[in-house]
Every structure is written in structure tokens, then in C-alpha cells.
Amino acid sequence: AGAASADAVRGLGDRLVDAGLAVPAGARSGIASGVRQVQSA
């Protein structure tokens, strides 16, 4: 748990997002939230 939340791993994730290889956290939550909102609609 400690290693997974460390700066080194967060930096790795940020670099992958910048390279377009990882899904940004905002995109993951945005799509999921959008789907739920359309279902509610």
C-alpha cells in the first residue's frame, strides 16, 4: 500500500497519461459519472 501511493508510482502514472497510454483519473470518473447520469435521465 505504501509503495503504491508513493511519488515514484504517481509520477509513473502521470508520464503514461501524458503519453496518451493511461486513462486520466478525470476521464475515468467523468465517463462513469456521465453514464450514470444518462441512466438516471
PDB file of all heavy atoms in Angstrom:
ATOM      1  N   ALA A   1       0.825  -1.206   0.000  1.00  0.00           N
ATOM      2  CA  ALA A   1       0.000   0.000   0.000  1.00  0.00           C
ATOM      3  C   ALA A   1       0.862   1.259   0.000  1.00  0.00           C
ATOM      4  O   ALA A   1       0.571   2.223  -0.716  1.00  0.00           O
ATOM      5  CB  ALA A   1      -0.925  -0.014   1.211  1.00  0.00           C
ATOM      6  N   GLY A   2       1.936   1.256   0.792  1.00  0.00           N
ATOM      7  CA  GLY A   2       2.800   2.429   0.853  1.00  0.00           C
ATOM      8  C   GLY A   2       3.525   2.692  -0.444  1.00  0.00           C
ATOM      9  O   GLY A   2       3.636   3.836  -0.899  1.00  0.00           O
ATOM     10  N   ALA A   3       4.021   1.631  -1.070  1.00  0.00           N
ATOM     11  CA  ALA A   3       4.725   1.803  -2.342  1.00  0.00           C
ATOM     12  C   ALA A   3       3.775   2.267  -3.438  1.00  0.00           C
ATOM     13  O   ALA A   3       4.126   3.093  -4.279  1.00  0.00           O
ATOM     14  CB  ALA A   3       5.404   0.488  -2.738  1.00  0.00           C
ATOM     15  N   ALA A   4       2.555   1.745  -3.442  1.00  0.00           N
ATOM     16  CA  ALA A   4       1.591   2.099  -4.485  1.00  0.00           C
ATOM     17  C   ALA A   4       1.198   3.566  -4.419  1.00  0.00           C
ATOM     18  O   ALA A   4       0.840   4.157  -5.446  1.00  0.00           O
ATOM     19  CB  ALA A   4       0.351   1.216  -4.370  1.00  0.00           C
ATOM     20  N   SER A   5       1.240   4.160  -3.245  1.00  0.00           N
ATOM     21  CA  SER A   5       0.838   5.560  -3.095  1.00  0.00           C
ATOM     22  C   SER A   5       2.025   6.517  -3.098  1.00  0.00           C
ATOM     23  O   SER A   5       1.848   7.710  -2.868  1.00  0.00           O
ATOM     24  CB  SER A   5       0.055   5.736  -1.788  1.00  0.00           C
ATOM     25  OG  SER A   5       0.857   5.383  -0.666  1.00  0.00           O
ATOM     26  N   ALA A   6       3.213   6.015  -3.380  1.00  0.00           N
ATOM     27  CA  ALA A   6       4.424   6.839  -3.327  1.00  0.00           C
ATOM     28  C   ALA A   6       4.524   7.753  -4.553  1.00  0.00           C
ATOM     29  O   ALA A   6       3.881   7.531  -5.579  1.00  0.00           O
ATOM     30  CB  ALA A   6       5.659   5.949  -3.238  1.00  0.00           C
ATOM     31  N   ASP A   7       5.358   8.778  -4.423  1.00  0.00           N
ATOM     32  CA  ASP A   7       5.528   9.752  -5.508  1.00  0.00           C
ATOM     33  C   ASP A   7       6.057   9.095  -6.776  1.00  0.00           C
ATOM     34  O   ASP A   7       5.691   9.505  -7.882  1.00  0.00           O
ATOM     35  CB  ASP A   7       6.485  10.861  -5.059  1.00  0.00           C
ATOM     36  CG  ASP A   7       5.887  11.746  -3.980  1.00  0.00           C
ATOM     37  OD1 ASP A   7       4.638  11.775  -3.866  1.00  0.00           O
ATOM     38  OD2 ASP A   7       6.652  12.410  -3.260  1.00  0.00           O
ATOM     39  N   ALA A   8       6.927   8.097  -6.634  1.00  0.00           N
ATOM     40  CA  ALA A   8       7.512   7.457  -7.806  1.00  0.00           C
ATOM     41  C   ALA A   8       6.438   6.803  -8.666  1.00  0.00           C
ATOM     42  O   ALA A   8       6.466   6.908  -9.899  1.00  0.00           O
ATOM     43  CB  ALA A   8       8.556   6.418  -7.372  1.00  0.00           C
ATOM     44  N   VAL A   9       5.491   6.140  -8.047  1.00  0.00           N
ATOM     45  CA  VAL A   9       4.432   5.468  -8.800  1.00  0.00           C
ATOM     46  C   VAL A   9       3.454   6.494  -9.374  1.00  0.00           C
ATOM     47  O   VAL A   9       2.985   6.358 -10.510  1.00  0.00           O
ATOM     48  CB  VAL A   9       3.706   4.448  -7.911  1.00  0.00           C
ATOM     49  CG1 VAL A   9       2.586   3.762  -8.683  1.00  0.00           C
ATOM     50  CG2 VAL A   9       4.692   3.406  -7.391  1.00  0.00           C
ATOM     51  N   ARG A  10       3.152   7.529  -8.608  1.00  0.00           N
ATOM     52  CA  ARG A  10       2.284   8.585  -9.142  1.00  0.00           C
ATOM     53  C   ARG A  10       2.933   9.263 -10.340  1.00  0.00           C
ATOM     54  O   ARG A  10       2.264   9.579 -11.337  1.00  0.00           O
ATOM     55  CB  ARG A  10       1.968   9.615  -8.056  1.00  0.00           C
ATOM     56  CG  ARG A  10       0.946   9.135  -7.039  1.00  0.00           C
ATOM     57  CD  ARG A  10       0.359  10.312  -6.279  1.00  0.00           C
ATOM     58  NE  ARG A  10       1.377  11.003  -5.505  1.00  0.00           N
ATOM     59  CZ  ARG A  10       1.677  10.712  -4.241  1.00  0.00           C
ATOM     60  NH1 ARG A  10       1.028   9.740  -3.614  1.00  0.00           N
ATOM     61  NH2 ARG A  10       2.603  11.384  -3.595  1.00  0.00           N
ATOM     62  N   GLY A  11       4.244   9.487 -10.254  1.00  0.00           N
ATOM     63  CA  GLY A  11       4.953  10.091 -11.384  1.00  0.00           C
ATOM     64  C   GLY A  11       4.924   9.198 -12.613  1.00  0.00           C
ATOM     65  O   GLY A  11       4.784   9.675 -13.747  1.00  0.00           O
ATOM     66  N   LEU A  12       5.052   7.890 -12.394  1.00  0.00           N
ATOM     67  CA  LEU A  12       4.960   6.940 -13.499  1.00  0.00           C
ATOM     68  C   LEU A  12       3.599   7.035 -14.173  1.00  0.00           C
ATOM     69  O   LEU A  12       3.498   7.078 -15.412  1.00  0.00           O
ATOM     70  CB  LEU A  12       5.196   5.527 -12.979  1.00  0.00           C
ATOM     71  CG  LEU A  12       4.989   4.376 -13.969  1.00  0.00           C
ATOM     72  CD1 LEU A  12       6.040   4.430 -15.072  1.00  0.00           C
ATOM     73  CD2 LEU A  12       5.048   3.034 -13.242  1.00  0.00           C
ATOM     74  N   GLY A  13       2.538   7.083 -13.378  1.00  0.00           N
ATOM     75  CA  GLY A  13       1.202   7.210 -13.935  1.00  0.00           C
ATOM     76  C   GLY A  13       1.017   8.515 -14.696  1.00  0.00           C
ATOM     77  O   GLY A  13       0.400   8.530 -15.771  1.00  0.00           O
ATOM     78  N   ASP A  14       1.552   9.606 -14.169  1.00  0.00           N
ATOM     79  CA  ASP A  14       1.430  10.902 -14.848  1.00  0.00           C
ATOM     80  C   ASP A  14       2.130  10.873 -16.200  1.00  0.00           C
ATOM     81  O   ASP A  14       1.616  11.435 -17.180  1.00  0.00           O
ATOM     82  CB  ASP A  14       2.021  12.013 -13.972  1.00  0.00           C
ATOM     83  CG  ASP A  14       1.196  12.283 -12.729  1.00  0.00           C
ATOM     84  OD1 ASP A  14       0.009  11.887 -12.706  1.00  0.00           O
ATOM     85  OD2 ASP A  14       1.735  12.864 -11.767  1.00  0.00           O
ATOM     86  N   ARG A  15       3.295  10.240 -16.257  1.00  0.00           N
ATOM     87  CA  ARG A  15       4.013  10.165 -17.539  1.00  0.00           C
ATOM     88  C   ARG A  15       3.234   9.341 -18.560  1.00  0.00           C
ATOM     89  O   ARG A  15       3.215   9.667 -19.753  1.00  0.00           O
ATOM     90  CB  ARG A  15       5.409   9.571 -17.317  1.00  0.00           C
ATOM     91  CG  ARG A  15       6.356  10.487 -16.550  1.00  0.00           C
ATOM     92  CD  ARG A  15       7.786   9.991 -16.596  1.00  0.00           C
ATOM     93  NE  ARG A  15       7.953   8.700 -15.933  1.00  0.00           N
ATOM     94  CZ  ARG A  15       8.213   8.557 -14.630  1.00  0.00           C
ATOM     95  NH1 ARG A  15       8.298   9.636 -13.856  1.00  0.00           N
ATOM     96  NH2 ARG A  15       8.386   7.366 -14.099  1.00  0.00           N
ATOM     97  N   LEU A  16       2.598   8.279 -18.112  1.00  0.00           N
ATOM     98  CA  LEU A  16       1.796   7.462 -19.026  1.00  0.00           C
ATOM     99  C   LEU A  16       0.562   8.216 -19.508  1.00  0.00           C
ATOM    100  O   LEU A  16       0.151   8.079 -20.667  1.00  0.00           O
ATOM    101  CB  LEU A  16       1.390   6.157 -18.335  1.00  0.00           C
ATOM    102  CG  LEU A  16       2.526   5.150 -18.117  1.00  0.00           C
ATOM    103  CD1 LEU A  16       2.068   4.002 -17.221  1.00  0.00           C
ATOM    104  CD2 LEU A  16       3.027   4.611 -19.448  1.00  0.00           C
ATOM    105  N   VAL A  17      -0.029   9.015 -18.630  1.00  0.00           N
ATOM    106  CA  VAL A  17      -1.167   9.843 -19.043  1.00  0.00           C
ATOM    107  C   VAL A  17      -0.710  10.869 -20.078  1.00  0.00           C
ATOM    108  O   VAL A  17      -1.380  11.085 -21.102  1.00  0.00           O
ATOM    109  CB  VAL A  17      -1.796  10.541 -17.819  1.00  0.00           C
ATOM    110  CG1 VAL A  17      -2.792  11.604 -18.269  1.00  0.00           C
ATOM    111  CG2 VAL A  17      -2.484   9.524 -16.923  1.00  0.00           C
ATOM    112  N   ASP A  18       0.433  11.500 -19.837  1.00  0.00           N
ATOM    113  CA  ASP A  18       0.958  12.487 -20.779  1.00  0.00           C
ATOM    114  C   ASP A  18       1.259  11.866 -22.133  1.00  0.00           C
ATOM    115  O   ASP A  18       1.135  12.526 -23.174  1.00  0.00           O
ATOM    116  CB  ASP A  18       2.223  13.139 -20.213  1.00  0.00           C
ATOM    117  CG  ASP A  18       1.943  14.016 -19.004  1.00  0.00           C
ATOM    118  OD1 ASP A  18       0.781  14.437 -18.830  1.00  0.00           O
ATOM    119  OD2 ASP A  18       2.879  14.270 -18.219  1.00  0.00           O
ATOM    120  N   ALA A  19       1.660  10.593 -22.136  1.00  0.00           N
ATOM    121  CA  ALA A  19       1.954   9.893 -23.385  1.00  0.00           C
ATOM    122  C   ALA A  19       0.700   9.368 -24.072  1.00  0.00           C
ATOM    123  O   ALA A  19       0.775   8.801 -25.160  1.00  0.00           O
ATOM    124  CB  ALA A  19       2.921   8.735 -23.120  1.00  0.00           C
ATOM    125  N   GLY A  20      -0.465   9.527 -23.429  1.00  0.00           N
ATOM    126  CA  GLY A  20      -1.709   9.061 -24.007  1.00  0.00           C
ATOM    127  C   GLY A  20      -1.936   7.575 -23.855  1.00  0.00           C
ATOM    128  O   GLY A  20      -2.810   6.996 -24.505  1.00  0.00           O
ATOM    129  N   LEU A  21      -1.185   6.926 -22.970  1.00  0.00           N
ATOM    130  CA  LEU A  21      -1.279   5.475 -22.805  1.00  0.00           C
ATOM    131  C   LEU A  21      -2.137   5.081 -21.608  1.00  0.00           C
ATOM    132  O   LEU A  21      -2.650   3.962 -21.566  1.00  0.00           O
ATOM    133  CB  LEU A  21       0.121   4.867 -22.656  1.00  0.00           C
ATOM    134  CG  LEU A  21       1.070   5.113 -23.831  1.00  0.00           C
ATOM    135  CD1 LEU A  21       2.438   4.531 -23.533  1.00  0.00           C
ATOM    136  CD2 LEU A  21       0.502   4.525 -25.110  1.00  0.00           C
ATOM    137  N   ALA A  22      -2.272   5.959 -20.643  1.00  0.00           N
ATOM    138  CA  ALA A  22      -3.093   5.693 -19.462  1.00  0.00           C
ATOM    139  C   ALA A  22      -4.299   6.620 -19.469  1.00  0.00           C
ATOM    140  O   ALA A  22      -4.253   7.738 -19.997  1.00  0.00           O
ATOM    141  CB  ALA A  22      -2.289   5.881 -18.178  1.00  0.00           C
ATOM    142  N   VAL A  23      -5.384   6.138 -18.902  1.00  0.00           N
ATOM    143  CA  VAL A  23      -6.613   6.933 -18.833  1.00  0.00           C
ATOM    144  C   VAL A  23      -6.500   7.905 -17.667  1.00  0.00           C
ATOM    145  O   VAL A  23      -6.273   7.479 -16.529  1.00  0.00           O
ATOM    146  CB  VAL A  23      -7.838   6.018 -18.640  1.00  0.00           C
ATOM    147  CG1 VAL A  23      -9.112   6.842 -18.575  1.00  0.00           C
ATOM    148  CG2 VAL A  23      -7.923   5.000 -19.775  1.00  0.00           C
ATOM    149  N   PRO A  24      -6.639   9.213 -17.903  1.00  0.00           N
ATOM    150  CA  PRO A  24      -6.602  10.165 -16.786  1.00  0.00           C
ATOM    151  C   PRO A  24      -7.699   9.862 -15.782  1.00  0.00           C
ATOM    152  O   PRO A  24      -8.787   9.400 -16.145  1.00  0.00           O
ATOM    153  CB  PRO A  24      -6.824  11.518 -17.465  1.00  0.00           C
ATOM    154  CG  PRO A  24      -6.495  11.297 -18.907  1.00  0.00           C
ATOM    155  CD  PRO A  24      -6.846   9.875 -19.195  1.00  0.00           C
ATOM    156  N   ALA A  25      -7.401  10.126 -14.528  1.00  0.00           N
ATOM    157  CA  ALA A  25      -8.388   9.859 -13.481  1.00  0.00           C
ATOM    158  C   ALA A  25      -9.679  10.620 -13.747  1.00  0.00           C
ATOM    159  O   ALA A  25     -10.775  10.108 -13.527  1.00  0.00           O
ATOM    160  CB  ALA A  25      -7.808  10.237 -12.116  1.00  0.00           C
ATOM    161  N   GLY A  26      -9.575  11.854 -14.229  1.00  0.00           N
ATOM    162  CA  GLY A  26     -10.766  12.632 -14.520  1.00  0.00           C
ATOM    163  C   GLY A  26     -11.607  12.019 -15.619  1.00  0.00           C
ATOM    164  O   GLY A  26     -12.833  12.058 -15.578  1.00  0.00           O
ATOM    165  N   ALA A  27     -10.937  11.429 -16.627  1.00  0.00           N
ATOM    166  CA  ALA A  27     -11.680  10.800 -17.721  1.00  0.00           C
ATOM    167  C   ALA A  27     -12.409   9.562 -17.239  1.00  0.00           C
ATOM    168  O   ALA A  27     -13.548   9.301 -17.623  1.00  0.00           O
ATOM    169  CB  ALA A  27     -10.723  10.451 -18.870  1.00  0.00           C
ATOM    170  N   ARG A  28     -11.728   8.763 -16.375  1.00  0.00           N
ATOM    171  CA  ARG A  28     -12.381   7.559 -15.849  1.00  0.00           C
ATOM    172  C   ARG A  28     -13.630   7.928 -15.067  1.00  0.00           C
ATOM    173  O   ARG A  28     -14.703   7.362 -15.268  1.00  0.00           O
ATOM    174  CB  ARG A  28     -11.404   6.787 -14.949  1.00  0.00           C
ATOM    175  CG  ARG A  28     -10.269   6.118 -15.671  1.00  0.00           C
ATOM    176  CD  ARG A  28      -9.604   5.093 -14.781  1.00  0.00           C
ATOM    177  NE  ARG A  28      -9.017   5.687 -13.590  1.00  0.00           N
ATOM    178  CZ  ARG A  28      -7.773   6.124 -13.505  1.00  0.00           C
ATOM    179  NH1 ARG A  28      -6.974   6.039 -14.549  1.00  0.00           N
ATOM    180  NH2 ARG A  28      -7.302   6.635 -12.393  1.00  0.00           N
ATOM    181  N   SER A  29     -13.504   8.883 -14.161  1.00  0.00           N
ATOM    182  CA  SER A  29     -14.642   9.261 -13.337  1.00  0.00           C
ATOM    183  C   SER A  29     -15.692  10.004 -14.153  1.00  0.00           C
ATOM    184  O   SER A  29     -16.895   9.873 -13.912  1.00  0.00           O
ATOM    185  CB  SER A  29     -14.177  10.121 -12.154  1.00  0.00           C
ATOM    186  OG  SER A  29     -13.534  11.303 -12.622  1.00  0.00           O
ATOM    187  N   GLY A  30     -15.239  10.803 -15.145  1.00  0.00           N
ATOM    188  CA  GLY A  30     -16.178  11.564 -15.954  1.00  0.00           C
ATOM    189  C   GLY A  30     -17.070  10.677 -16.796  1.00  0.00           C
ATOM    190  O   GLY A  30     -18.288  10.896 -16.889  1.00  0.00           O
ATOM    191  N   ILE A  31     -16.496   9.653 -17.424  1.00  0.00           N
ATOM    192  CA  ILE A  31     -17.294   8.747 -18.246  1.00  0.00           C
ATOM    193  C   ILE A  31     -18.257   7.949 -17.376  1.00  0.00           C
ATOM    194  O   ILE A  31     -19.433   7.796 -17.699  1.00  0.00           O
ATOM    195  CB  ILE A  31     -16.369   7.815 -19.048  1.00  0.00           C
ATOM    196  CG1 ILE A  31     -15.626   8.621 -20.126  1.00  0.00           C
ATOM    197  CG2 ILE A  31     -17.167   6.688 -19.690  1.00  0.00           C
ATOM    198  CD1 ILE A  31     -14.607   7.823 -20.893  1.00  0.00           C
ATOM    199  N   ALA A  32     -17.747   7.429 -16.259  1.00  0.00           N
ATOM    200  CA  ALA A  32     -18.606   6.645 -15.369  1.00  0.00           C
ATOM    201  C   ALA A  32     -19.748   7.492 -14.831  1.00  0.00           C
ATOM    202  O   ALA A  32     -20.911   7.056 -14.787  1.00  0.00           O
ATOM    203  CB  ALA A  32     -17.783   6.069 -14.217  1.00  0.00           C
ATOM    204  N   SER A  33     -19.435   8.723 -14.430  1.00  0.00           N
ATOM    205  CA  SER A  33     -20.477   9.612 -13.915  1.00  0.00           C
ATOM    206  C   SER A  33     -21.474   9.980 -15.008  1.00  0.00           C
ATOM    207  O   SER A  33     -22.687  10.057 -14.773  1.00  0.00           O
ATOM    208  CB  SER A  33     -19.838  10.873 -13.335  1.00  0.00           C
ATOM    209  OG  SER A  33     -20.818  11.780 -12.893  1.00  0.00           O
ATOM    210  N   GLY A  34     -20.969  10.193 -16.242  1.00  0.00           N
ATOM    211  CA  GLY A  34     -21.847  10.520 -17.340  1.00  0.00           C
ATOM    212  C   GLY A  34     -22.818   9.395 -17.680  1.00  0.00           C
ATOM    213  O   GLY A  34     -23.997   9.632 -17.946  1.00  0.00           O
ATOM    214  N   VAL A  35     -22.315   8.161 -17.659  1.00  0.00           N
ATOM    215  CA  VAL A  35     -23.177   7.013 -17.925  1.00  0.00           C
ATOM    216  C   VAL A  35     -24.264   6.908 -16.859  1.00  0.00           C
ATOM    217  O   VAL A  35     -25.441   6.669 -17.163  1.00  0.00           O
ATOM    218  CB  VAL A  35     -22.346   5.714 -17.995  1.00  0.00           C
ATOM    219  CG1 VAL A  35     -23.251   4.487 -17.985  1.00  0.00           C
ATOM    220  CG2 VAL A  35     -21.475   5.716 -19.238  1.00  0.00           C
ATOM    221  N   ARG A  36     -23.874   7.083 -15.597  1.00  0.00           N
ATOM    222  CA  ARG A  36     -24.871   7.021 -14.516  1.00  0.00           C
ATOM    223  C   ARG A  36     -25.917   8.108 -14.673  1.00  0.00           C
ATOM    224  O   ARG A  36     -27.113   7.882 -14.415  1.00  0.00           O
ATOM    225  CB  ARG A  36     -24.179   7.127 -13.156  1.00  0.00           C
ATOM    226  CG  ARG A  36     -23.382   5.878 -12.765  1.00  0.00           C
ATOM    227  CD  ARG A  36     -23.004   5.940 -11.299  1.00  0.00           C
ATOM    228  NE  ARG A  36     -22.147   7.080 -11.005  1.00  0.00           N
ATOM    229  CZ  ARG A  36     -20.822   7.041 -11.041  1.00  0.00           C
ATOM    230  NH1 ARG A  36     -20.201   5.918 -11.378  1.00  0.00           N
ATOM    231  NH2 ARG A  36     -20.101   8.114 -10.746  1.00  0.00           N
ATOM    232  N   GLN A  37     -25.498   9.295 -15.096  1.00  0.00           N
ATOM    233  CA  GLN A  37     -26.453  10.392 -15.243  1.00  0.00           C
ATOM    234  C   GLN A  37     -27.427  10.112 -16.381  1.00  0.00           C
ATOM    235  O   GLN A  37     -28.629  10.411 -16.265  1.00  0.00           O
ATOM    236  CB  GLN A  37     -25.707  11.704 -15.507  1.00  0.00           C
ATOM    237  CG  GLN A  37     -26.609  12.926 -15.479  1.00  0.00           C
ATOM    238  CD  GLN A  37     -25.833  14.227 -15.501  1.00  0.00           C
ATOM    239  OE1 GLN A  37     -24.615  14.237 -15.428  1.00  0.00           O
ATOM    240  NE2 GLN A  37     -26.546  15.336 -15.614  1.00  0.00           N
ATOM    241  N   VAL A  38     -26.949   9.534 -17.489  1.00  0.00           N
ATOM    242  CA  VAL A  38     -27.855   9.205 -18.593  1.00  0.00           C
ATOM    243  C   VAL A  38     -28.817   8.099 -18.167  1.00  0.00           C
ATOM    244  O   VAL A  38     -30.005   8.123 -18.530  1.00  0.00           O
ATOM    245  CB  VAL A  38     -27.051   8.788 -19.838  1.00  0.00           C
ATOM    246  CG1 VAL A  38     -27.989   8.301 -20.945  1.00  0.00           C
ATOM    247  CG2 VAL A  38     -26.224   9.961 -20.355  1.00  0.00           C
ATOM    248  N   GLN A  39     -28.326   7.133 -17.401  1.00  0.00           N
ATOM    249  CA  GLN A  39     -29.222   6.092 -16.898  1.00  0.00           C
ATOM    250  C   GLN A  39     -30.309   6.688 -16.012  1.00  0.00           C
ATOM    251  O   GLN A  39     -31.491   6.321 -16.120  1.00  0.00           O
ATOM    252  CB  GLN A  39     -28.405   5.051 -16.118  1.00  0.00           C
ATOM    253  CG  GLN A  39     -27.499   4.206 -16.990  1.00  0.00           C
ATOM    254  CD  GLN A  39     -26.562   3.331 -16.192  1.00  0.00           C
ATOM    255  OE1 GLN A  39     -26.283   3.614 -15.016  1.00  0.00           O
ATOM    256  NE2 GLN A  39     -26.057   2.269 -16.790  1.00  0.00           N
ATOM    257  N   SER A  40     -29.915   7.621 -15.150  1.00  0.00           N
ATOM    258  CA  SER A  40     -30.906   8.284 -14.289  1.00  0.00           C
ATOM    259  C   SER A  40     -31.890   9.101 -15.115  1.00  0.00           C
ATOM    260  O   SER A  40     -33.087   9.159 -14.801  1.00  0.00           O
ATOM    261  CB  SER A  40     -30.196   9.188 -13.274  1.00  0.00           C
ATOM    262  OG  SER A  40     -29.330   8.437 -12.440  1.00  0.00           O
ATOM    263  N   ALA A  41     -31.384   9.732 -16.187  1.00  0.00           N
ATOM    264  CA  ALA A  41     -32.263  10.510 -17.052  1.00  0.00           C
ATOM    265  C   ALA A  41     -33.299   9.612 -17.725  1.00  0.00           C
ATOM    266  O   ALA A  41     -34.463  10.004 -17.883  1.00  0.00           O
ATOM    267  CB  ALA A  41     -31.444  11.260 -18.101  1.00  0.00           C
TER     268      ALA A  41
END
